[in-house]
């Protein structure tokens, strides 16, 4: 049986050849608008309701339920 040993310091190194291009805010906005333009009115309403529920839950968690 073979055993390979690797130095721990080398495990966290990022390869130099790895280059990741992060999209700009403008590119992200374009992609979001493209995706949203394909939603039906029912999908938009469902997502709006889900977002409202989630924001209410977040506010309740942060501030406590309304009296």
C-alpha atoms as a PDB file:
ATOM      1  CA  UNK A   1       0.000   0.000   0.000  1.00  0.00           C
ATOM      2  CA  UNK A   2       1.298   3.445  -0.918  1.00  0.00           C
ATOM      3  CA  UNK A   3       0.993   6.462   1.341  1.00  0.00           C
ATOM      4  CA  UNK A   4       1.273  10.011   0.035  1.00  0.00           C
ATOM      5  CA  UNK A   5       2.346  12.803   2.366  1.00  0.00           C
ATOM      6  CA  UNK A   6       1.517  16.439   1.643  1.00  0.00           C
ATOM      7  CA  UNK A   7       2.734  19.428   3.607  1.00  0.00           C
ATOM      8  CA  UNK A   8      -0.194  21.160   5.363  1.00  0.00           C
ATOM      9  CA  UNK A   9       0.996  24.614   4.277  1.00  0.00           C
ATOM     10  CA  UNK A  10       0.639  23.668   0.619  1.00  0.00           C
ATOM     11  CA  UNK A  11      -3.003  22.568   1.014  1.00  0.00           C
ATOM     12  CA  UNK A  12      -4.244  26.148   1.355  1.00  0.00           C
ATOM     13  CA  UNK A  13      -2.336  27.550  -1.589  1.00  0.00           C
ATOM     14  CA  UNK A  14      -4.350  28.744  -4.580  1.00  0.00           C
ATOM     15  CA  UNK A  15      -2.864  27.715  -7.899  1.00  0.00           C
ATOM     16  CA  UNK A  16      -1.334  30.669  -9.725  1.00  0.00           C
ATOM     17  CA  UNK A  17      -2.929  29.599 -13.004  1.00  0.00           C
ATOM     18  CA  UNK A  18      -6.436  29.905 -11.527  1.00  0.00           C
ATOM     19  CA  UNK A  19      -7.906  33.255 -12.549  1.00  0.00           C
ATOM     20  CA  UNK A  20     -11.531  33.980 -11.760  1.00  0.00           C
ATOM     21  CA  UNK A  21     -13.271  36.911 -13.391  1.00  0.00           C
ATOM     22  CA  UNK A  22     -15.974  38.355 -11.187  1.00  0.00           C
ATOM     23  CA  UNK A  23     -18.862  39.877 -13.155  1.00  0.00           C
ATOM     24  CA  UNK A  24     -19.502  43.590 -12.712  1.00  0.00           C
ATOM     25  CA  UNK A  25     -22.602  44.960 -10.989  1.00  0.00           C
ATOM     26  CA  UNK A  26     -23.916  45.983 -14.393  1.00  0.00           C
ATOM     27  CA  UNK A  27     -23.483  42.460 -15.787  1.00  0.00           C
ATOM     28  CA  UNK A  28     -25.225  40.950 -12.769  1.00  0.00           C
ATOM     29  CA  UNK A  29     -28.110  43.425 -13.125  1.00  0.00           C
ATOM     30  CA  UNK A  30     -28.482  42.533 -16.813  1.00  0.00           C
ATOM     31  CA  UNK A  31     -28.592  38.836 -16.002  1.00  0.00           C
ATOM     32  CA  UNK A  32     -31.179  39.349 -13.251  1.00  0.00           C
ATOM     33  CA  UNK A  33     -33.408  41.448 -15.532  1.00  0.00           C
ATOM     34  CA  UNK A  34     -33.161  38.793 -18.252  1.00  0.00           C
ATOM     35  CA  UNK A  35     -34.216  36.059 -15.844  1.00  0.00           C
ATOM     36  CA  UNK A  36     -37.032  38.156 -14.355  1.00  0.00           C
ATOM     37  CA  UNK A  37     -38.354  39.057 -17.800  1.00  0.00           C
ATOM     38  CA  UNK A  38     -39.130  35.366 -18.341  1.00  0.00           C
ATOM     39  CA  UNK A  39     -41.331  35.090 -15.226  1.00  0.00           C
ATOM     40  CA  UNK A  40     -45.103  34.903 -15.552  1.00  0.00           C
ATOM     41  CA  UNK A  41     -47.306  37.269 -13.552  1.00  0.00           C
ATOM     42  CA  UNK A  42     -48.150  34.374 -11.211  1.00  0.00           C
ATOM     43  CA  UNK A  43     -44.459  33.694 -10.638  1.00  0.00           C
ATOM     44  CA  UNK A  44     -43.813  37.383  -9.916  1.00  0.00           C
ATOM     45  CA  UNK A  45     -46.641  37.491  -7.356  1.00  0.00           C
ATOM     46  CA  UNK A  46     -45.485  34.261  -5.718  1.00  0.00           C
ATOM     47  CA  UNK A  47     -41.928  35.575  -5.419  1.00  0.00           C
ATOM     48  CA  UNK A  48     -43.167  38.928  -4.080  1.00  0.00           C
ATOM     49  CA  UNK A  49     -45.204  37.175  -1.388  1.00  0.00           C
ATOM     50  CA  UNK A  50     -42.284  34.920  -0.462  1.00  0.00           C
ATOM     51  CA  UNK A  51     -39.958  37.908  -0.215  1.00  0.00           C
ATOM     52  CA  UNK A  52     -42.435  39.789   1.977  1.00  0.00           C
ATOM     53  CA  UNK A  53     -42.824  36.793   4.282  1.00  0.00           C
ATOM     54  CA  UNK A  54     -39.061  36.383   4.568  1.00  0.00           C
ATOM     55  CA  UNK A  55     -38.451  40.063   5.333  1.00  0.00           C
ATOM     56  CA  UNK A  56     -41.177  39.962   7.998  1.00  0.00           C
ATOM     57  CA  UNK A  57     -39.574  36.881   9.572  1.00  0.00           C
ATOM     58  CA  UNK A  58     -36.179  38.588   9.513  1.00  0.00           C
ATOM     59  CA  UNK A  59     -37.548  41.734  11.153  1.00  0.00           C
ATOM     60  CA  UNK A  60     -39.316  39.647  13.800  1.00  0.00           C
ATOM     61  CA  UNK A  61     -36.069  37.829  14.520  1.00  0.00           C
ATOM     62  CA  UNK A  62     -34.118  41.075  14.803  1.00  0.00           C
ATOM     63  CA  UNK A  63     -36.635  43.107  16.783  1.00  0.00           C
ATOM     64  CA  UNK A  64     -39.011  40.573  18.297  1.00  0.00           C
ATOM     65  CA  UNK A  65     -42.642  40.079  17.280  1.00  0.00           C
ATOM     66  CA  UNK A  66     -44.873  43.144  17.150  1.00  0.00           C
ATOM     67  CA  UNK A  67     -46.994  43.586  20.269  1.00  0.00           C
END
